[in-house]
Amino acid sequence: MPIELTWLIPDKILLSRWIGDVSEEDMHVLVDEIGVVLDTATSLIHTVIDLSEVRHVSIGVAQVYLQSRIPTHPHRGRIGMVRSNVEGATVADLVNRLSRREMVRFFSTRGEARDFLLSHDTPPPPLPPDQTH
């Protein structure tokens, strides 16, 4: 599968590593896996998404995520994205705008993303009104 999900920090930060081409079907599997993790969690679970090895992300991937229960799950934390291309930025911006929360931030490395998530162990804040359109 082009998305690997493992713990970066057990019971605190997931690592979602995207490799090659990622489709809507792949995202359905990922949403199911994250749902199991969040349902058993007792605190916020953040995610580092590493796009450094991705070639293409289908535009419907964001829609699958946003239509799932994951963005509003009470244990859904923030997302730190390690990007390698503009396509990832487009998907993340779409997720933020449609969820009306600052769920996704970009970082150069996994370590930077991890450090941010550990120091901001809070739910994603709402976007300012002028950024939600």
C-alpha atoms as a PDB file:
ATOM      1  CA  MET A   1       0.000   0.000   0.000  1.00  0.00           C
ATOM      2  CA  PRO A   2       1.333   3.463  -0.835  1.00  0.00           C
ATOM      3  CA  ILE A   3       0.507   4.762   2.661  1.00  0.00           C
ATOM      4  CA  GLU A   4       2.332   3.303   5.660  1.00  0.00           C
ATOM      5  CA  LEU A   5       0.970   4.126   9.132  1.00  0.00           C
ATOM      6  CA  THR A   6       3.202   3.590  12.169  1.00  0.00           C
ATOM      7  CA  TRP A   7       3.828   5.260  15.512  1.00  0.00           C
ATOM      8  CA  LEU A   8       6.434   8.027  15.546  1.00  0.00           C
ATOM      9  CA  ILE A   9       5.819   8.443  19.297  1.00  0.00           C
ATOM     10  CA  PRO A  10       3.610   5.664  20.725  1.00  0.00           C
ATOM     11  CA  ASP A  11       0.111   6.778  21.699  1.00  0.00           C
ATOM     12  CA  LYS A  12       0.909  10.408  20.781  1.00  0.00           C
ATOM     13  CA  ILE A  13       2.083  10.957  17.172  1.00  0.00           C
ATOM     14  CA  LEU A  14       1.389   8.762  14.130  1.00  0.00           C
ATOM     15  CA  LEU A  15       3.709   8.716  11.133  1.00  0.00           C
ATOM     16  CA  SER A  16       1.871   8.471   7.817  1.00  0.00           C
ATOM     17  CA  ARG A  17       4.431   7.875   5.054  1.00  0.00           C
ATOM     18  CA  TRP A  18       3.086   8.329   1.514  1.00  0.00           C
ATOM     19  CA  ILE A  19       4.968   6.577  -1.298  1.00  0.00           C
ATOM     20  CA  GLY A  20       4.363   6.682  -5.052  1.00  0.00           C
ATOM     21  CA  ASP A  21       0.810   7.332  -6.235  1.00  0.00           C
ATOM     22  CA  VAL A  22      -1.943   7.763  -3.631  1.00  0.00           C
ATOM     23  CA  SER A  23      -5.573   7.201  -4.651  1.00  0.00           C
ATOM     24  CA  GLU A  24      -8.967   7.682  -3.045  1.00  0.00           C
ATOM     25  CA  GLU A  25      -9.074   3.940  -2.325  1.00  0.00           C
ATOM     26  CA  ASP A  26      -5.791   4.216  -0.407  1.00  0.00           C
ATOM     27  CA  MET A  27      -7.257   7.054   1.626  1.00  0.00           C
ATOM     28  CA  HIS A  28     -10.333   4.973   2.510  1.00  0.00           C
ATOM     29  CA  VAL A  29      -8.013   2.331   3.991  1.00  0.00           C
ATOM     30  CA  LEU A  30      -6.032   4.991   5.880  1.00  0.00           C
ATOM     31  CA  VAL A  31      -9.198   6.589   7.281  1.00  0.00           C
ATOM     32  CA  ASP A  32     -10.312   3.180   8.581  1.00  0.00           C
ATOM     33  CA  GLU A  33      -6.911   2.570  10.204  1.00  0.00           C
ATOM     34  CA  ILE A  34      -6.813   6.020  11.828  1.00  0.00           C
ATOM     35  CA  GLY A  35     -10.388   5.528  13.040  1.00  0.00           C
ATOM     36  CA  VAL A  36      -9.358   2.420  14.969  1.00  0.00           C
ATOM     37  CA  VAL A  37      -6.455   4.312  16.558  1.00  0.00           C
ATOM     38  CA  LEU A  38      -8.579   7.329  17.504  1.00  0.00           C
ATOM     39  CA  ASP A  39     -11.412   5.193  18.880  1.00  0.00           C
ATOM     40  CA  THR A  40      -9.039   3.501  21.324  1.00  0.00           C
ATOM     41  CA  ALA A  41      -7.105   6.663  22.247  1.00  0.00           C
ATOM     42  CA  THR A  42      -7.501   8.439  25.577  1.00  0.00           C
ATOM     43  CA  SER A  43      -5.902  11.712  24.445  1.00  0.00           C
ATOM     44  CA  LEU A  44      -5.186  13.692  21.270  1.00  0.00           C
ATOM     45  CA  ILE A  45      -3.386  11.819  18.513  1.00  0.00           C
ATOM     46  CA  HIS A  46      -1.363  14.003  16.140  1.00  0.00           C
ATOM     47  CA  THR A  47       0.038  12.924  12.772  1.00  0.00           C
ATOM     48  CA  VAL A  48       3.181  13.596  10.779  1.00  0.00           C
ATOM     49  CA  ILE A  49       2.488  13.043   7.071  1.00  0.00           C
ATOM     50  CA  ASP A  50       5.706  12.500   5.130  1.00  0.00           C
ATOM     51  CA  LEU A  51       5.214  13.254   1.425  1.00  0.00           C
ATOM     52  CA  SER A  52       8.895  13.140   0.522  1.00  0.00           C
ATOM     53  CA  GLU A  53       8.431   9.949  -1.532  1.00  0.00           C
ATOM     54  CA  VAL A  54       5.018  10.665  -3.088  1.00  0.00           C
ATOM     55  CA  ARG A  55       4.674  11.124  -6.856  1.00  0.00           C
ATOM     56  CA  HIS A  56       0.986  11.947  -7.211  1.00  0.00           C
ATOM     57  CA  VAL A  57      -1.969  12.442  -4.874  1.00  0.00           C
ATOM     58  CA  SER A  58      -5.437  12.148  -6.432  1.00  0.00           C
ATOM     59  CA  ILE A  59      -7.488  15.282  -5.805  1.00  0.00           C
ATOM     60  CA  GLY A  60     -10.289  13.151  -4.324  1.00  0.00           C
ATOM     61  CA  VAL A  61      -8.046  12.137  -1.405  1.00  0.00           C
ATOM     62  CA  ALA A  62      -8.894  15.315   0.532  1.00  0.00           C
ATOM     63  CA  GLN A  63     -12.612  14.754  -0.060  1.00  0.00           C
ATOM     64  CA  VAL A  64     -12.435  11.181   1.282  1.00  0.00           C
ATOM     65  CA  TYR A  65     -10.713  12.476   4.426  1.00  0.00           C
ATOM     66  CA  LEU A  66     -13.101  15.399   4.945  1.00  0.00           C
ATOM     67  CA  GLN A  67     -16.210  13.259   4.442  1.00  0.00           C
ATOM     68  CA  SER A  68     -15.002  10.766   7.033  1.00  0.00           C
ATOM     69  CA  ARG A  69     -15.461  11.068  10.779  1.00  0.00           C
ATOM     70  CA  ILE A  70     -11.739  11.591  11.343  1.00  0.00           C
ATOM     71  CA  PRO A  71     -11.492  15.432  11.064  1.00  0.00           C
ATOM     72  CA  THR A  72     -14.082  15.907  13.824  1.00  0.00           C
ATOM     73  CA  HIS A  73     -13.116  12.952  16.013  1.00  0.00           C
ATOM     74  CA  PRO A  74     -12.594  14.151  19.614  1.00  0.00           C
ATOM     75  CA  HIS A  75      -9.094  12.616  19.647  1.00  0.00           C
ATOM     76  CA  ARG A  76      -8.015  14.072  16.256  1.00  0.00           C
ATOM     77  CA  GLY A  77      -5.018  16.284  16.858  1.00  0.00           C
ATOM     78  CA  ARG A  78      -2.962  18.441  14.540  1.00  0.00           C
ATOM     79  CA  ILE A  79      -1.154  17.370  11.368  1.00  0.00           C
ATOM     80  CA  GLY A  80       2.437  18.225  10.509  1.00  0.00           C
ATOM     81  CA  MET A  81       3.138  17.683   6.840  1.00  0.00           C
ATOM     82  CA  VAL A  82       6.621  17.136   5.453  1.00  0.00           C
ATOM     83  CA  ARG A  83       6.130  18.089   1.848  1.00  0.00           C
ATOM     84  CA  SER A  84       8.081  17.563  -1.277  1.00  0.00           C
ATOM     85  CA  ASN A  85       5.886  19.267  -3.847  1.00  0.00           C
ATOM     86  CA  VAL A  86       3.238  21.919  -4.467  1.00  0.00           C
ATOM     87  CA  GLU A  87       0.533  19.268  -4.939  1.00  0.00           C
ATOM     88  CA  GLY A  88       0.748  18.407  -1.247  1.00  0.00           C
ATOM     89  CA  ALA A  89       0.365  22.073  -0.370  1.00  0.00           C
ATOM     90  CA  THR A  90      -2.801  22.268  -2.452  1.00  0.00           C
ATOM     91  CA  VAL A  91      -4.352  19.245  -0.726  1.00  0.00           C
ATOM     92  CA  ALA A  92      -3.410  20.549   2.747  1.00  0.00           C
ATOM     93  CA  ASP A  93      -4.798  24.020   2.035  1.00  0.00           C
ATOM     94  CA  LEU A  94      -8.038  22.433   0.869  1.00  0.00           C
ATOM     95  CA  VAL A  95      -8.261  20.327   4.050  1.00  0.00           C
ATOM     96  CA  ASN A  96      -7.701  23.404   6.247  1.00  0.00           C
ATOM     97  CA  ARG A  97     -10.254  25.543   4.420  1.00  0.00           C
ATOM     98  CA  LEU A  98     -12.973  22.893   4.268  1.00  0.00           C
ATOM     99  CA  SER A  99     -12.511  21.819   7.879  1.00  0.00           C
ATOM    100  CA  ARG A 100     -12.325  25.514   8.898  1.00  0.00           C
ATOM    101  CA  ARG A 101      -9.478  24.596  11.242  1.00  0.00           C
ATOM    102  CA  GLU A 102      -5.734  24.851  11.064  1.00  0.00           C
ATOM    103  CA  MET A 103      -5.253  21.123  10.949  1.00  0.00           C
ATOM    104  CA  VAL A 104      -2.214  21.047   8.669  1.00  0.00           C
ATOM    105  CA  ARG A 105       1.106  22.898   8.862  1.00  0.00           C
ATOM    106  CA  PHE A 106       4.152  22.365   6.637  1.00  0.00           C
ATOM    107  CA  PHE A 107       7.662  21.499   7.788  1.00  0.00           C
ATOM    108  CA  SER A 108      10.969  20.674   6.125  1.00  0.00           C
ATOM    109  CA  THR A 109      11.683  17.586   8.232  1.00  0.00           C
ATOM    110  CA  ARG A 110       9.900  14.995  10.347  1.00  0.00           C
ATOM    111  CA  GLY A 111      11.823  16.264  13.360  1.00  0.00           C
ATOM    112  CA  GLU A 112      10.525  19.816  12.936  1.00  0.00           C
ATOM    113  CA  ALA A 113       6.972  18.520  12.563  1.00  0.00           C
ATOM    114  CA  ARG A 114       7.332  16.264  15.631  1.00  0.00           C
ATOM    115  CA  ASP A 115       8.742  19.093  17.762  1.00  0.00           C
ATOM    116  CA  PHE A 116       5.889  21.426  16.758  1.00  0.00           C
ATOM    117  CA  LEU A 117       3.239  18.803  17.535  1.00  0.00           C
ATOM    118  CA  LEU A 118       4.762  18.033  20.921  1.00  0.00           C
ATOM    119  CA  SER A 119       4.872  21.719  21.830  1.00  0.00           C
ATOM    120  CA  HIS A 120       1.305  22.356  20.565  1.00  0.00           C
ATOM    121  CA  ASP A 121      -0.507  19.416  22.126  1.00  0.00           C
ATOM    122  CA  THR A 122      -3.932  20.975  21.578  1.00  0.00           C
ATOM    123  CA  PRO A 123      -6.805  20.472  19.133  1.00  0.00           C
ATOM    124  CA  PRO A 124      -6.492  22.260  15.778  1.00  0.00           C
ATOM    125  CA  PRO A 125      -7.632  25.893  16.204  1.00  0.00           C
ATOM    126  CA  PRO A 126     -10.285  27.502  13.989  1.00  0.00           C
ATOM    127  CA  LEU A 127      -9.043  29.457  10.988  1.00  0.00           C
ATOM    128  CA  PRO A 128      -9.594  33.227  11.042  1.00  0.00           C
ATOM    129  CA  PRO A 129     -12.828  34.107   9.164  1.00  0.00           C
ATOM    130  CA  ASP A 130     -10.965  35.651   6.213  1.00  0.00           C
ATOM    131  CA  GLN A 131      -9.116  32.350   5.543  1.00  0.00           C
ATOM    132  CA  THR A 132     -12.155  30.042   5.445  1.00  0.00           C
ATOM    133  CA  HIS A 133     -13.446  31.065   2.004  1.00  0.00           C
END
